[in-house]
Amino acid sequence: MLLTINGTLHNVPSDISEVTVGKFAEYYDKYGRALDEELVAIFENQTDQDLLELDLQQHIDKEALSWYTFFTGYNFFESKDIELTDVLIQYRILRTLLKESETKSRDFPHDADWMDAKWRIQDFRVQPGSTMTFNEVITSKEVVRQITKLGKGKWDALIYLCCIFFRKVDEPFADELTSGERFKLIEQLPLNYAMSVAFFLNSSIRIFRQHLVSSTKVEMTTM
């Protein structure tokens, strides 16, 4: 979405495909984490429905100023020269578009065209045709640690996980994929692909845990 500030045109992302996973991790560290913590506090502490709605609208205003400030470099929090009413209204539209694009990323293809190559979200589960071994994924302490970090809102962990799970078609896993030039490359991955990895990984873990619980129950009943 285009926004003109003091005669300069800025492109503010209205779709997560316009944001790299590295840039979003940077945004989240600077603004997103505090916004999430504030939102949790609002729901935990505000019991009056009318005041809750007011608090939520003020929270969205802070989201707007944070998003526009980060992607334009212009500090909207200290702005005295720009009428913010139109900006705040515009953000409501932009916010809806961002949410819609995030939802669409859940219906991902396993293959994607990026950087003049065909990439694939690697299957987490061990089955015939799997490209990742059990030891590489399921029992990897580092992968589990990064998944835990991601669950706590530490988005830099998603970059690491994408290095493992988002690879070129037929590309074997290697330790070098999680560092150096490859890590820098994955930082440029559009957020919609990265979110696809996150959703796929979350679903796969849930399926794996359900299967593990079921298997354990069977073993217990046959003893």
N, C-alpha and C. Protein backbone atom coordinates (compact mmCIF):
# COMPACT_ATOMS: atom_id res chain seq x y z
N MET A 1 0.85 -1.17 0.00
CA MET A 1 0.00 0.00 0.00
C MET A 1 0.90 1.24 0.00
N LEU A 2 0.65 2.15 -0.91
CA LEU A 2 1.50 3.33 -1.07
C LEU A 2 1.08 4.44 -0.12
N LEU A 3 2.08 5.10 0.47
CA LEU A 3 1.83 6.18 1.41
C LEU A 3 2.85 7.29 1.14
N THR A 4 2.35 8.50 0.98
CA THR A 4 3.23 9.64 0.72
C THR A 4 3.47 10.41 2.01
N ILE A 5 4.75 10.60 2.35
CA ILE A 5 5.12 11.35 3.56
C ILE A 5 6.08 12.45 3.15
N ASN A 6 5.66 13.67 3.36
CA ASN A 6 6.49 14.83 3.01
C ASN A 6 7.02 14.75 1.58
N GLY A 7 6.14 14.33 0.68
CA GLY A 7 6.50 14.27 -0.74
C GLY A 7 7.24 13.02 -1.16
N THR A 8 7.54 12.13 -0.21
CA THR A 8 8.25 10.89 -0.53
C THR A 8 7.28 9.72 -0.47
N LEU A 9 7.31 8.89 -1.51
CA LEU A 9 6.40 7.75 -1.61
C LEU A 9 7.01 6.52 -0.92
N HIS A 10 6.23 5.91 -0.04
CA HIS A 10 6.66 4.71 0.67
C HIS A 10 5.69 3.57 0.39
N ASN A 11 6.23 2.37 0.27
CA ASN A 11 5.39 1.19 0.06
C ASN A 11 5.30 0.43 1.38
N VAL A 12 4.15 0.49 2.01
CA VAL A 12 3.93 -0.18 3.29
C VAL A 12 3.28 -1.54 3.01
N PRO A 13 3.86 -2.65 3.45
CA PRO A 13 3.34 -3.98 3.13
C PRO A 13 1.89 -4.16 3.58
N SER A 14 1.08 -4.69 2.66
CA SER A 14 -0.31 -5.03 2.98
C SER A 14 -0.56 -6.51 2.76
N ASP A 15 0.50 -7.24 2.45
CA ASP A 15 0.42 -8.69 2.25
C ASP A 15 1.71 -9.28 2.82
N ILE A 16 1.62 -10.39 3.52
CA ILE A 16 2.83 -10.92 4.17
C ILE A 16 3.87 -11.39 3.15
N SER A 17 3.45 -11.61 1.90
CA SER A 17 4.42 -11.98 0.87
C SER A 17 5.37 -10.83 0.54
N GLU A 18 5.00 -9.61 0.96
CA GLU A 18 5.83 -8.43 0.70
C GLU A 18 6.86 -8.21 1.81
N VAL A 19 6.84 -9.07 2.82
CA VAL A 19 7.75 -8.94 3.96
C VAL A 19 8.63 -10.17 4.03
N THR A 20 9.93 -10.00 4.20
CA THR A 20 10.80 -11.16 4.37
C THR A 20 10.73 -11.63 5.81
N VAL A 21 11.04 -12.90 6.02
CA VAL A 21 11.00 -13.44 7.37
C VAL A 21 12.03 -12.76 8.26
N GLY A 22 13.17 -12.38 7.69
CA GLY A 22 14.19 -11.67 8.45
C GLY A 22 13.71 -10.29 8.88
N LYS A 23 13.03 -9.59 7.97
CA LYS A 23 12.52 -8.26 8.29
C LYS A 23 11.41 -8.34 9.33
N PHE A 24 10.59 -9.36 9.24
CA PHE A 24 9.51 -9.49 10.22
C PHE A 24 10.08 -9.80 11.61
N ALA A 25 11.12 -10.62 11.66
CA ALA A 25 11.77 -10.92 12.94
C ALA A 25 12.29 -9.62 13.57
N GLU A 26 12.83 -8.76 12.72
CA GLU A 26 13.34 -7.46 13.19
C GLU A 26 12.20 -6.59 13.71
N TYR A 27 11.09 -6.56 12.95
CA TYR A 27 9.92 -5.79 13.37
C TYR A 27 9.37 -6.31 14.70
N TYR A 28 9.31 -7.63 14.82
CA TYR A 28 8.72 -8.21 16.02
C TYR A 28 9.56 -7.88 17.25
N ASP A 29 10.87 -7.92 17.10
CA ASP A 29 11.74 -7.58 18.22
C ASP A 29 11.56 -6.12 18.64
N LYS A 30 11.35 -5.26 17.66
CA LYS A 30 11.27 -3.84 17.95
C LYS A 30 9.89 -3.41 18.46
N TYR A 31 8.82 -4.00 17.88
CA TYR A 31 7.47 -3.57 18.22
C TYR A 31 6.52 -4.72 18.57
N GLY A 32 6.60 -5.80 17.81
CA GLY A 32 5.58 -6.84 17.90
C GLY A 32 5.47 -7.52 19.25
N ARG A 33 6.61 -7.80 19.87
CA ARG A 33 6.58 -8.51 21.15
C ARG A 33 5.86 -7.68 22.21
N ALA A 34 6.18 -6.40 22.29
CA ALA A 34 5.53 -5.52 23.27
C ALA A 34 4.04 -5.40 22.98
N LEU A 35 3.68 -5.35 21.70
CA LEU A 35 2.26 -5.27 21.34
C LEU A 35 1.52 -6.54 21.75
N ASP A 36 2.13 -7.68 21.53
CA ASP A 36 1.50 -8.95 21.94
C ASP A 36 1.32 -9.02 23.45
N GLU A 37 2.33 -8.60 24.18
CA GLU A 37 2.25 -8.62 25.64
C GLU A 37 1.16 -7.67 26.13
N GLU A 38 1.05 -6.53 25.48
CA GLU A 38 0.00 -5.58 25.85
C GLU A 38 -1.39 -6.17 25.57
N LEU A 39 -1.53 -6.85 24.44
CA LEU A 39 -2.83 -7.42 24.08
C LEU A 39 -3.25 -8.49 25.09
N VAL A 40 -2.30 -9.32 25.50
CA VAL A 40 -2.59 -10.33 26.52
C VAL A 40 -3.05 -9.66 27.81
N ALA A 41 -2.36 -8.61 28.19
CA ALA A 41 -2.70 -7.89 29.42
C ALA A 41 -4.10 -7.28 29.34
N ILE A 42 -4.47 -6.78 28.17
CA ILE A 42 -5.80 -6.19 28.00
C ILE A 42 -6.88 -7.22 28.27
N PHE A 43 -6.73 -8.39 27.67
CA PHE A 43 -7.75 -9.43 27.84
C PHE A 43 -7.76 -9.99 29.27
N GLU A 44 -6.60 -9.99 29.91
CA GLU A 44 -6.53 -10.53 31.27
C GLU A 44 -7.08 -9.56 32.31
N ASN A 45 -6.93 -8.26 32.07
CA ASN A 45 -7.23 -7.29 33.11
C ASN A 45 -8.51 -6.49 32.90
N GLN A 46 -8.99 -6.43 31.66
CA GLN A 46 -10.17 -5.61 31.40
C GLN A 46 -11.43 -6.48 31.35
N THR A 47 -12.35 -6.24 32.25
CA THR A 47 -13.59 -7.04 32.32
C THR A 47 -14.80 -6.30 31.79
N ASP A 48 -14.73 -5.00 31.76
CA ASP A 48 -15.84 -4.21 31.22
C ASP A 48 -15.81 -4.26 29.70
N GLN A 49 -16.88 -4.71 29.07
CA GLN A 49 -16.90 -4.93 27.62
C GLN A 49 -16.73 -3.64 26.83
N ASP A 50 -17.33 -2.56 27.30
CA ASP A 50 -17.20 -1.28 26.59
C ASP A 50 -15.77 -0.77 26.66
N LEU A 51 -15.17 -0.88 27.85
CA LEU A 51 -13.79 -0.44 28.00
C LEU A 51 -12.83 -1.37 27.27
N LEU A 52 -13.20 -2.64 27.21
CA LEU A 52 -12.38 -3.60 26.47
C LEU A 52 -12.31 -3.22 25.00
N GLU A 53 -13.45 -2.87 24.42
CA GLU A 53 -13.48 -2.47 23.01
C GLU A 53 -12.64 -1.21 22.79
N LEU A 54 -12.72 -0.28 23.72
CA LEU A 54 -11.93 0.95 23.62
C LEU A 54 -10.44 0.63 23.69
N ASP A 55 -10.07 -0.24 24.63
CA ASP A 55 -8.65 -0.63 24.76
C ASP A 55 -8.15 -1.32 23.51
N LEU A 56 -8.99 -2.16 22.91
CA LEU A 56 -8.59 -2.87 21.70
C LEU A 56 -8.40 -1.92 20.53
N GLN A 57 -9.26 -0.93 20.41
CA GLN A 57 -9.12 0.05 19.34
C GLN A 57 -7.84 0.87 19.53
N GLN A 58 -7.53 1.23 20.76
CA GLN A 58 -6.29 1.95 21.04
C GLN A 58 -5.07 1.08 20.75
N HIS A 59 -5.22 -0.21 21.02
CA HIS A 59 -4.14 -1.15 20.73
C HIS A 59 -3.89 -1.22 19.22
N ILE A 60 -4.96 -1.26 18.44
CA ILE A 60 -4.82 -1.30 16.98
C ILE A 60 -4.17 -0.01 16.48
N ASP A 61 -4.49 1.10 17.12
CA ASP A 61 -3.83 2.37 16.75
C ASP A 61 -2.33 2.27 16.96
N LYS A 62 -1.90 1.64 18.06
CA LYS A 62 -0.47 1.45 18.31
C LYS A 62 0.14 0.52 17.27
N GLU A 63 -0.61 -0.51 16.90
CA GLU A 63 -0.16 -1.40 15.82
C GLU A 63 0.10 -0.59 14.56
N ALA A 64 -0.85 0.28 14.24
CA ALA A 64 -0.75 1.09 13.01
C ALA A 64 0.51 1.95 13.03
N LEU A 65 0.70 2.67 14.11
CA LEU A 65 1.86 3.56 14.21
C LEU A 65 3.16 2.77 14.16
N SER A 66 3.17 1.59 14.78
CA SER A 66 4.36 0.74 14.77
C SER A 66 4.66 0.24 13.37
N TRP A 67 3.64 -0.26 12.68
CA TRP A 67 3.81 -0.82 11.34
C TRP A 67 4.30 0.25 10.36
N TYR A 68 3.64 1.41 10.38
CA TYR A 68 4.02 2.48 9.47
C TYR A 68 5.40 3.05 9.81
N THR A 69 5.69 3.18 11.09
CA THR A 69 6.99 3.70 11.49
C THR A 69 8.11 2.78 11.04
N PHE A 70 7.92 1.49 11.25
CA PHE A 70 8.97 0.53 10.92
C PHE A 70 9.25 0.50 9.42
N PHE A 71 8.20 0.49 8.61
CA PHE A 71 8.40 0.29 7.18
C PHE A 71 8.59 1.58 6.38
N THR A 72 8.43 2.73 7.02
CA THR A 72 8.71 3.99 6.32
C THR A 72 9.94 4.68 6.89
N GLY A 73 10.30 4.36 8.14
CA GLY A 73 11.41 5.05 8.77
C GLY A 73 11.02 6.40 9.34
N TYR A 74 9.76 6.76 9.20
CA TYR A 74 9.25 8.02 9.74
C TYR A 74 8.57 7.73 11.08
N ASN A 75 8.94 8.46 12.13
CA ASN A 75 8.41 8.20 13.46
C ASN A 75 7.01 8.78 13.63
N PHE A 76 6.01 7.94 13.43
CA PHE A 76 4.62 8.39 13.56
C PHE A 76 4.23 8.64 15.01
N PHE A 77 4.96 8.06 15.95
CA PHE A 77 4.64 8.26 17.36
C PHE A 77 4.93 9.70 17.79
N GLU A 78 5.87 10.33 17.14
CA GLU A 78 6.24 11.70 17.49
C GLU A 78 5.83 12.71 16.43
N SER A 79 5.01 12.27 15.50
CA SER A 79 4.62 13.13 14.38
C SER A 79 3.69 14.25 14.83
N LYS A 80 4.02 15.47 14.42
CA LYS A 80 3.15 16.62 14.66
C LYS A 80 2.75 17.28 13.35
N ASP A 81 3.30 16.76 12.25
CA ASP A 81 3.07 17.38 10.94
C ASP A 81 2.04 16.63 10.10
N ILE A 82 1.71 15.39 10.50
CA ILE A 82 0.82 14.57 9.69
C ILE A 82 -0.47 14.30 10.45
N GLU A 83 -1.59 14.49 9.78
CA GLU A 83 -2.88 14.15 10.35
C GLU A 83 -2.99 12.63 10.38
N LEU A 84 -3.12 12.08 11.59
CA LEU A 84 -3.07 10.62 11.74
C LEU A 84 -4.41 9.93 11.51
N THR A 85 -5.50 10.67 11.46
CA THR A 85 -6.81 10.03 11.34
C THR A 85 -6.90 9.15 10.10
N ASP A 86 -6.49 9.68 8.96
CA ASP A 86 -6.56 8.91 7.72
C ASP A 86 -5.63 7.70 7.78
N VAL A 87 -4.46 7.88 8.41
CA VAL A 87 -3.50 6.78 8.53
C VAL A 87 -4.08 5.65 9.36
N LEU A 88 -4.72 5.98 10.46
CA LEU A 88 -5.29 4.97 11.35
C LEU A 88 -6.46 4.24 10.69
N ILE A 89 -7.24 4.99 9.93
CA ILE A 89 -8.36 4.35 9.20
C ILE A 89 -7.81 3.44 8.10
N GLN A 90 -6.81 3.93 7.39
CA GLN A 90 -6.19 3.14 6.32
C GLN A 90 -5.61 1.84 6.87
N TYR A 91 -5.05 1.91 8.08
CA TYR A 91 -4.43 0.71 8.65
C TYR A 91 -5.47 -0.38 8.91
N ARG A 92 -6.70 0.01 9.25
CA ARG A 92 -7.74 -1.01 9.46
C ARG A 92 -7.92 -1.85 8.20
N ILE A 93 -7.86 -1.21 7.05
CA ILE A 93 -7.98 -1.93 5.78
C ILE A 93 -6.74 -2.79 5.56
N LEU A 94 -5.57 -2.17 5.77
CA LEU A 94 -4.31 -2.87 5.59
C LEU A 94 -4.21 -4.08 6.52
N ARG A 95 -4.67 -3.92 7.74
CA ARG A 95 -4.62 -4.99 8.74
C ARG A 95 -5.46 -6.18 8.28
N THR A 96 -6.63 -5.89 7.71
CA THR A 96 -7.49 -6.96 7.20
C THR A 96 -6.80 -7.72 6.08
N LEU A 97 -6.13 -6.98 5.19
CA LEU A 97 -5.41 -7.61 4.08
C LEU A 97 -4.27 -8.49 4.59
N LEU A 98 -3.57 -8.02 5.62
CA LEU A 98 -2.48 -8.81 6.20
C LEU A 98 -3.01 -10.10 6.81
N LYS A 99 -4.13 -10.00 7.52
CA LYS A 99 -4.72 -11.18 8.14
C LYS A 99 -5.19 -12.17 7.08
N GLU A 100 -5.77 -11.65 6.00
CA GLU A 100 -6.24 -12.53 4.92
C GLU A 100 -5.08 -13.25 4.26
N SER A 101 -3.99 -12.55 4.04
CA SER A 101 -2.83 -13.19 3.40
C SER A 101 -2.19 -14.21 4.33
N GLU A 102 -2.25 -13.96 5.63
CA GLU A 102 -1.72 -14.94 6.59
C GLU A 102 -2.57 -16.21 6.57
N THR A 103 -3.89 -16.03 6.50
CA THR A 103 -4.79 -17.19 6.44
C THR A 103 -4.54 -18.01 5.17
N LYS A 104 -4.32 -17.32 4.07
CA LYS A 104 -4.07 -18.02 2.81
C LYS A 104 -2.79 -18.84 2.85
N SER A 105 -1.82 -18.36 3.63
CA SER A 105 -0.54 -19.07 3.69
C SER A 105 -0.69 -20.45 4.33
N ARG A 106 -1.80 -20.69 5.02
CA ARG A 106 -2.02 -21.99 5.64
C ARG A 106 -2.40 -23.04 4.58
N ASP A 107 -2.98 -22.58 3.48
CA ASP A 107 -3.34 -23.49 2.39
C ASP A 107 -2.20 -23.52 1.38
N PHE A 108 -1.03 -23.92 1.87
CA PHE A 108 0.18 -23.80 1.07
C PHE A 108 0.36 -24.99 0.12
N PRO A 109 1.06 -24.75 -0.98
CA PRO A 109 1.55 -25.88 -1.77
C PRO A 109 2.83 -26.38 -1.12
N HIS A 110 3.15 -27.63 -1.32
CA HIS A 110 4.40 -28.16 -0.79
C HIS A 110 5.58 -27.64 -1.60
N ASP A 111 5.34 -27.25 -2.84
CA ASP A 111 6.41 -26.73 -3.69
C ASP A 111 6.21 -25.24 -3.92
N ALA A 112 7.31 -24.54 -4.11
CA ALA A 112 7.24 -23.10 -4.34
C ALA A 112 8.36 -22.68 -5.27
N ASP A 113 8.08 -21.70 -6.13
CA ASP A 113 9.10 -21.13 -7.01
C ASP A 113 9.67 -19.88 -6.34
N TRP A 114 10.98 -19.91 -6.10
CA TRP A 114 11.64 -18.79 -5.44
C TRP A 114 13.11 -18.77 -5.83
N MET A 115 13.61 -17.59 -6.10
CA MET A 115 15.02 -17.40 -6.47
C MET A 115 15.41 -18.30 -7.66
N ASP A 116 14.53 -18.34 -8.65
CA ASP A 116 14.78 -19.10 -9.88
C ASP A 116 15.03 -20.58 -9.62
N ALA A 117 14.38 -21.12 -8.62
CA ALA A 117 14.52 -22.54 -8.31
C ALA A 117 13.21 -23.06 -7.74
N LYS A 118 13.07 -24.37 -7.75
CA LYS A 118 11.90 -25.02 -7.16
C LYS A 118 12.27 -25.47 -5.75
N TRP A 119 11.48 -25.00 -4.78
CA TRP A 119 11.72 -25.31 -3.38
C TRP A 119 10.58 -26.16 -2.84
N ARG A 120 10.85 -26.86 -1.77
CA ARG A 120 9.83 -27.76 -1.22
C ARG A 120 9.87 -27.72 0.31
N ILE A 121 8.69 -27.68 0.90
CA ILE A 121 8.59 -27.82 2.35
C ILE A 121 8.76 -29.31 2.65
N GLN A 122 9.82 -29.63 3.37
CA GLN A 122 10.17 -31.03 3.61
C GLN A 122 9.18 -31.67 4.58
N ASP A 123 8.85 -32.92 4.30
CA ASP A 123 7.90 -33.64 5.14
C ASP A 123 8.56 -34.02 6.45
N PHE A 124 7.91 -33.62 7.51
CA PHE A 124 8.40 -33.86 8.87
C PHE A 124 8.32 -35.34 9.24
N ARG A 125 7.31 -36.03 8.69
CA ARG A 125 7.05 -37.39 9.14
C ARG A 125 7.95 -38.41 8.44
N VAL A 126 8.27 -39.47 9.15
CA VAL A 126 9.10 -40.53 8.59
C VAL A 126 8.18 -41.55 7.94
N GLN A 127 8.31 -41.70 6.65
CA GLN A 127 7.46 -42.61 5.88
C GLN A 127 8.17 -42.92 4.58
N PRO A 128 7.67 -43.89 3.80
CA PRO A 128 8.32 -44.17 2.52
C PRO A 128 8.42 -42.91 1.66
N GLY A 129 9.61 -42.64 1.17
CA GLY A 129 9.81 -41.46 0.35
C GLY A 129 10.23 -40.24 1.13
N SER A 130 10.33 -40.35 2.46
CA SER A 130 10.76 -39.22 3.27
C SER A 130 12.16 -38.77 2.88
N THR A 131 12.39 -37.47 2.90
CA THR A 131 13.70 -36.94 2.56
C THR A 131 14.50 -36.58 3.81
N MET A 132 13.86 -36.66 4.97
CA MET A 132 14.56 -36.35 6.21
C MET A 132 14.49 -37.56 7.12
N THR A 133 15.58 -37.87 7.78
CA THR A 133 15.61 -39.04 8.65
C THR A 133 15.06 -38.68 10.02
N PHE A 134 14.72 -39.70 10.76
CA PHE A 134 14.19 -39.51 12.10
C PHE A 134 15.16 -38.72 12.97
N ASN A 135 16.44 -39.09 12.90
CA ASN A 135 17.44 -38.42 13.74
C ASN A 135 17.64 -36.97 13.35
N GLU A 136 17.47 -36.65 12.08
CA GLU A 136 17.67 -35.28 11.62
C GLU A 136 16.62 -34.34 12.20
N VAL A 137 15.42 -34.85 12.40
CA VAL A 137 14.32 -33.96 12.74
C VAL A 137 13.74 -34.24 14.13
N ILE A 138 13.17 -35.41 14.31
CA ILE A 138 12.40 -35.67 15.50
C ILE A 138 13.24 -35.59 16.77
N THR A 139 14.44 -36.16 16.75
CA THR A 139 15.25 -36.20 17.96
C THR A 139 16.30 -35.09 18.02
N SER A 140 16.23 -34.15 17.11
CA SER A 140 17.21 -33.06 17.10
C SER A 140 16.92 -32.07 18.23
N LYS A 141 17.83 -31.98 19.18
CA LYS A 141 17.63 -31.07 20.31
C LYS A 141 17.57 -29.62 19.84
N GLU A 142 18.35 -29.29 18.83
CA GLU A 142 18.36 -27.91 18.36
C GLU A 142 17.05 -27.54 17.69
N VAL A 143 16.49 -28.46 16.91
CA VAL A 143 15.21 -28.19 16.28
C VAL A 143 14.14 -28.00 17.34
N VAL A 144 14.12 -28.86 18.34
CA VAL A 144 13.14 -28.74 19.42
C VAL A 144 13.32 -27.40 20.15
N ARG A 145 14.57 -27.01 20.38
CA ARG A 145 14.84 -25.74 21.05
C ARG A 145 14.32 -24.57 20.23
N GLN A 146 14.52 -24.63 18.92
CA GLN A 146 14.06 -23.54 18.05
C GLN A 146 12.54 -23.51 17.97
N ILE A 147 11.91 -24.69 17.96
CA ILE A 147 10.44 -24.74 17.95
C ILE A 147 9.91 -24.10 19.24
N THR A 148 10.57 -24.40 20.35
CA THR A 148 10.17 -23.81 21.64
C THR A 148 10.33 -22.30 21.61
N LYS A 149 11.43 -21.81 21.04
CA LYS A 149 11.65 -20.37 20.91
C LYS A 149 10.55 -19.72 20.08
N LEU A 150 10.20 -20.40 18.97
CA LEU A 150 9.16 -19.86 18.09
C LEU A 150 7.84 -19.75 18.82
N GLY A 151 7.55 -20.76 19.66
CA GLY A 151 6.33 -20.74 20.44
C GLY A 151 6.28 -19.60 21.44
N LYS A 152 7.44 -19.06 21.78
CA LYS A 152 7.53 -17.93 22.71
C LYS A 152 7.62 -16.59 21.97
N GLY A 153 7.39 -16.63 20.66
CA GLY A 153 7.39 -15.38 19.89
C GLY A 153 8.74 -14.92 19.44
N LYS A 154 9.74 -15.80 19.47
CA LYS A 154 11.08 -15.42 19.02
C LYS A 154 11.20 -15.82 17.54
N TRP A 155 10.89 -14.86 16.69
CA TRP A 155 10.72 -15.16 15.27
C TRP A 155 12.01 -15.45 14.54
N ASP A 156 13.16 -15.12 15.13
CA ASP A 156 14.41 -15.49 14.49
C ASP A 156 14.54 -17.02 14.41
N ALA A 157 13.82 -17.72 15.30
CA ALA A 157 13.85 -19.18 15.27
C ALA A 157 13.23 -19.71 13.98
N LEU A 158 12.26 -18.98 13.42
CA LEU A 158 11.62 -19.44 12.20
C LEU A 158 12.61 -19.44 11.04
N ILE A 159 13.55 -18.52 11.05
CA ILE A 159 14.57 -18.50 9.99
C ILE A 159 15.38 -19.79 10.03
N TYR A 160 15.79 -20.17 11.22
CA TYR A 160 16.54 -21.43 11.39
C TYR A 160 15.72 -22.63 10.92
N LEU A 161 14.45 -22.67 11.32
CA LEU A 161 13.60 -23.80 10.96
C LEU A 161 13.36 -23.85 9.45
N CYS A 162 13.25 -22.67 8.81
CA CYS A 162 13.07 -22.64 7.36
C CYS A 162 14.33 -23.15 6.65
N CYS A 163 15.50 -22.91 7.25
CA CYS A 163 16.74 -23.42 6.66
C CYS A 163 16.68 -24.94 6.56
N ILE A 164 16.03 -25.58 7.53
CA ILE A 164 15.95 -27.03 7.55
C ILE A 164 14.79 -27.55 6.71
N PHE A 165 13.62 -26.94 6.87
CA PHE A 165 12.41 -27.51 6.27
C PHE A 165 12.04 -26.93 4.91
N PHE A 166 12.65 -25.81 4.52
CA PHE A 166 12.38 -25.22 3.21
C PHE A 166 13.65 -25.33 2.38
N ARG A 167 13.71 -26.37 1.56
CA ARG A 167 14.92 -26.63 0.78
C ARG A 167 14.56 -26.83 -0.69
N LYS A 168 15.57 -26.74 -1.52
CA LYS A 168 15.36 -27.00 -2.94
C LYS A 168 14.95 -28.45 -3.14
N VAL A 169 14.16 -28.68 -4.16
CA VAL A 169 13.69 -30.03 -4.45
C VAL A 169 14.89 -30.96 -4.63
N ASP A 170 14.85 -32.09 -3.94
CA ASP A 170 15.91 -33.12 -3.99
C ASP A 170 17.21 -32.69 -3.33
N GLU A 171 17.20 -31.57 -2.62
CA GLU A 171 18.41 -31.12 -1.92
C GLU A 171 18.52 -31.85 -0.59
N PRO A 172 19.61 -32.57 -0.35
CA PRO A 172 19.76 -33.29 0.92
C PRO A 172 20.05 -32.34 2.07
N PHE A 173 19.71 -32.78 3.27
CA PHE A 173 20.00 -31.98 4.44
C PHE A 173 21.49 -31.98 4.73
N ALA A 174 22.02 -30.83 5.14
CA ALA A 174 23.42 -30.71 5.55
C ALA A 174 23.49 -29.63 6.62
N ASP A 175 24.42 -29.77 7.55
CA ASP A 175 24.55 -28.80 8.63
C ASP A 175 24.80 -27.40 8.11
N GLU A 176 25.43 -27.30 6.94
CA GLU A 176 25.77 -25.99 6.38
C GLU A 176 24.52 -25.18 6.01
N LEU A 177 23.38 -25.83 5.92
CA LEU A 177 22.15 -25.13 5.53
C LEU A 177 21.67 -24.18 6.62
N THR A 178 22.14 -24.36 7.84
CA THR A 178 21.64 -23.55 8.96
C THR A 178 22.58 -22.41 9.34
N SER A 179 23.53 -22.09 8.49
CA SER A 179 24.47 -21.02 8.82
C SER A 179 24.98 -20.35 7.55
N GLY A 180 25.82 -19.36 7.73
CA GLY A 180 26.50 -18.73 6.59
C GLY A 180 25.59 -18.12 5.56
N GLU A 181 25.97 -18.31 4.28
CA GLU A 181 25.24 -17.70 3.17
C GLU A 181 23.82 -18.21 3.06
N ARG A 182 23.62 -19.49 3.38
CA ARG A 182 22.26 -20.04 3.27
C ARG A 182 21.34 -19.38 4.29
N PHE A 183 21.83 -19.17 5.49
CA PHE A 183 21.01 -18.51 6.51
C PHE A 183 20.65 -17.10 6.05
N LYS A 184 21.62 -16.39 5.47
CA LYS A 184 21.36 -15.04 4.98
C LYS A 184 20.33 -15.06 3.84
N LEU A 185 20.41 -16.10 3.01
CA LEU A 185 19.45 -16.22 1.92
C LEU A 185 18.04 -16.42 2.46
N ILE A 186 17.91 -17.32 3.43
CA ILE A 186 16.59 -17.63 3.97
C ILE A 186 16.01 -16.43 4.72
N GLU A 187 16.86 -15.55 5.21
CA GLU A 187 16.35 -14.32 5.83
C GLU A 187 15.52 -13.50 4.84
N GLN A 188 15.79 -13.69 3.53
CA GLN A 188 15.07 -12.96 2.49
C GLN A 188 13.81 -13.70 2.02
N LEU A 189 13.53 -14.83 2.62
CA LEU A 189 12.35 -15.62 2.23
C LEU A 189 11.08 -14.84 2.54
N PRO A 190 10.17 -14.72 1.57
CA PRO A 190 8.90 -14.04 1.83
C PRO A 190 8.16 -14.70 3.00
N LEU A 191 7.55 -13.86 3.81
CA LEU A 191 6.93 -14.33 5.05
C LEU A 191 5.83 -15.35 4.79
N ASN A 192 5.14 -15.27 3.65
CA ASN A 192 4.07 -16.23 3.41
C ASN A 192 4.62 -17.65 3.29
N TYR A 193 5.80 -17.82 2.67
CA TYR A 193 6.42 -19.14 2.61
C TYR A 193 6.87 -19.59 4.00
N ALA A 194 7.45 -18.65 4.76
CA ALA A 194 7.92 -18.98 6.10
C ALA A 194 6.75 -19.38 7.00
N MET A 195 5.64 -18.67 6.88
CA MET A 195 4.47 -19.01 7.68
C MET A 195 3.92 -20.37 7.27
N SER A 196 4.03 -20.71 5.99
CA SER A 196 3.62 -22.04 5.54
C SER A 196 4.43 -23.12 6.23
N VAL A 197 5.73 -22.87 6.35
CA VAL A 197 6.58 -23.82 7.07
C VAL A 197 6.14 -23.93 8.52
N ALA A 198 5.85 -22.80 9.15
CA ALA A 198 5.44 -22.79 10.55
C ALA A 198 4.14 -23.56 10.75
N PHE A 199 3.16 -23.32 9.88
CA PHE A 199 1.88 -24.00 10.01
C PHE A 199 2.03 -25.50 9.74
N PHE A 200 2.82 -25.83 8.73
CA PHE A 200 3.03 -27.23 8.40
C PHE A 200 3.74 -27.95 9.54
N LEU A 201 4.75 -27.29 10.10
CA LEU A 201 5.51 -27.88 11.19
C LEU A 201 4.62 -28.09 12.41
N ASN A 202 3.80 -27.09 12.71
CA ASN A 202 2.90 -27.18 13.85
C ASN A 202 1.91 -28.33 13.66
N SER A 203 1.36 -28.46 12.45
CA SER A 203 0.43 -29.55 12.17
C SER A 203 1.10 -30.91 12.27
N SER A 204 2.31 -30.99 11.74
CA SER A 204 3.04 -32.26 11.75
C SER A 204 3.37 -32.69 13.18
N ILE A 205 3.78 -31.73 14.01
CA ILE A 205 4.10 -32.04 15.40
C ILE A 205 2.85 -32.54 16.12
N ARG A 206 1.72 -31.89 15.86
CA ARG A 206 0.47 -32.30 16.50
C ARG A 206 0.10 -33.72 16.09
N ILE A 207 0.25 -34.03 14.80
CA ILE A 207 -0.04 -35.38 14.31
C ILE A 207 0.92 -36.39 14.92
N PHE A 208 2.20 -36.01 15.00
CA PHE A 208 3.21 -36.91 15.56
C PHE A 208 2.91 -37.20 17.03
N ARG A 209 2.54 -36.15 17.78
CA ARG A 209 2.26 -36.34 19.20
C ARG A 209 1.03 -37.22 19.40
N GLN A 210 0.00 -37.02 18.57
CA GLN A 210 -1.19 -37.84 18.68
C GLN A 210 -0.87 -39.30 18.38
N HIS A 211 -0.03 -39.50 17.37
CA HIS A 211 0.37 -40.86 17.01
C HIS A 211 1.19 -41.48 18.14
N LEU A 212 2.06 -40.66 18.75
CA LEU A 212 2.90 -41.16 19.83
C LEU A 212 2.05 -41.55 21.03
N VAL A 213 1.06 -40.72 21.37
CA VAL A 213 0.17 -41.02 22.49
C VAL A 213 -0.62 -42.29 22.22
N SER A 214 -1.13 -42.41 20.99
CA SER A 214 -1.90 -43.60 20.62
C SER A 214 -1.04 -44.85 20.71
N SER A 215 0.20 -44.74 20.21
CA SER A 215 1.10 -45.89 20.24
C SER A 215 1.42 -46.29 21.68
N THR A 216 1.60 -45.30 22.54
CA THR A 216 1.91 -45.56 23.94
C THR A 216 0.75 -46.27 24.62
N LYS A 217 -0.47 -45.81 24.30
CA LYS A 217 -1.64 -46.43 24.90
C LYS A 217 -1.76 -47.89 24.48
N VAL A 218 -1.47 -48.17 23.21
CA VAL A 218 -1.54 -49.54 22.73
C VAL A 218 -0.54 -50.41 23.47
N GLU A 219 0.68 -49.88 23.63
CA GLU A 219 1.72 -50.65 24.32
C GLU A 219 1.33 -50.91 25.77
N MET A 220 0.71 -49.94 26.40
CA MET A 220 0.34 -50.11 27.80
C MET A 220 -0.76 -51.14 27.98
N THR A 221 -1.67 -51.20 27.01
CA THR A 221 -2.78 -52.13 27.14
C THR A 221 -2.37 -53.56 26.81
N THR A 222 -1.25 -53.75 26.17
CA THR A 222 -0.84 -55.11 25.78
C THR A 222 0.18 -55.71 26.75
N MET A 223 0.55 -54.92 27.76
CA MET A 223 1.53 -55.43 28.73
C MET A 223 0.89 -56.44 29.69
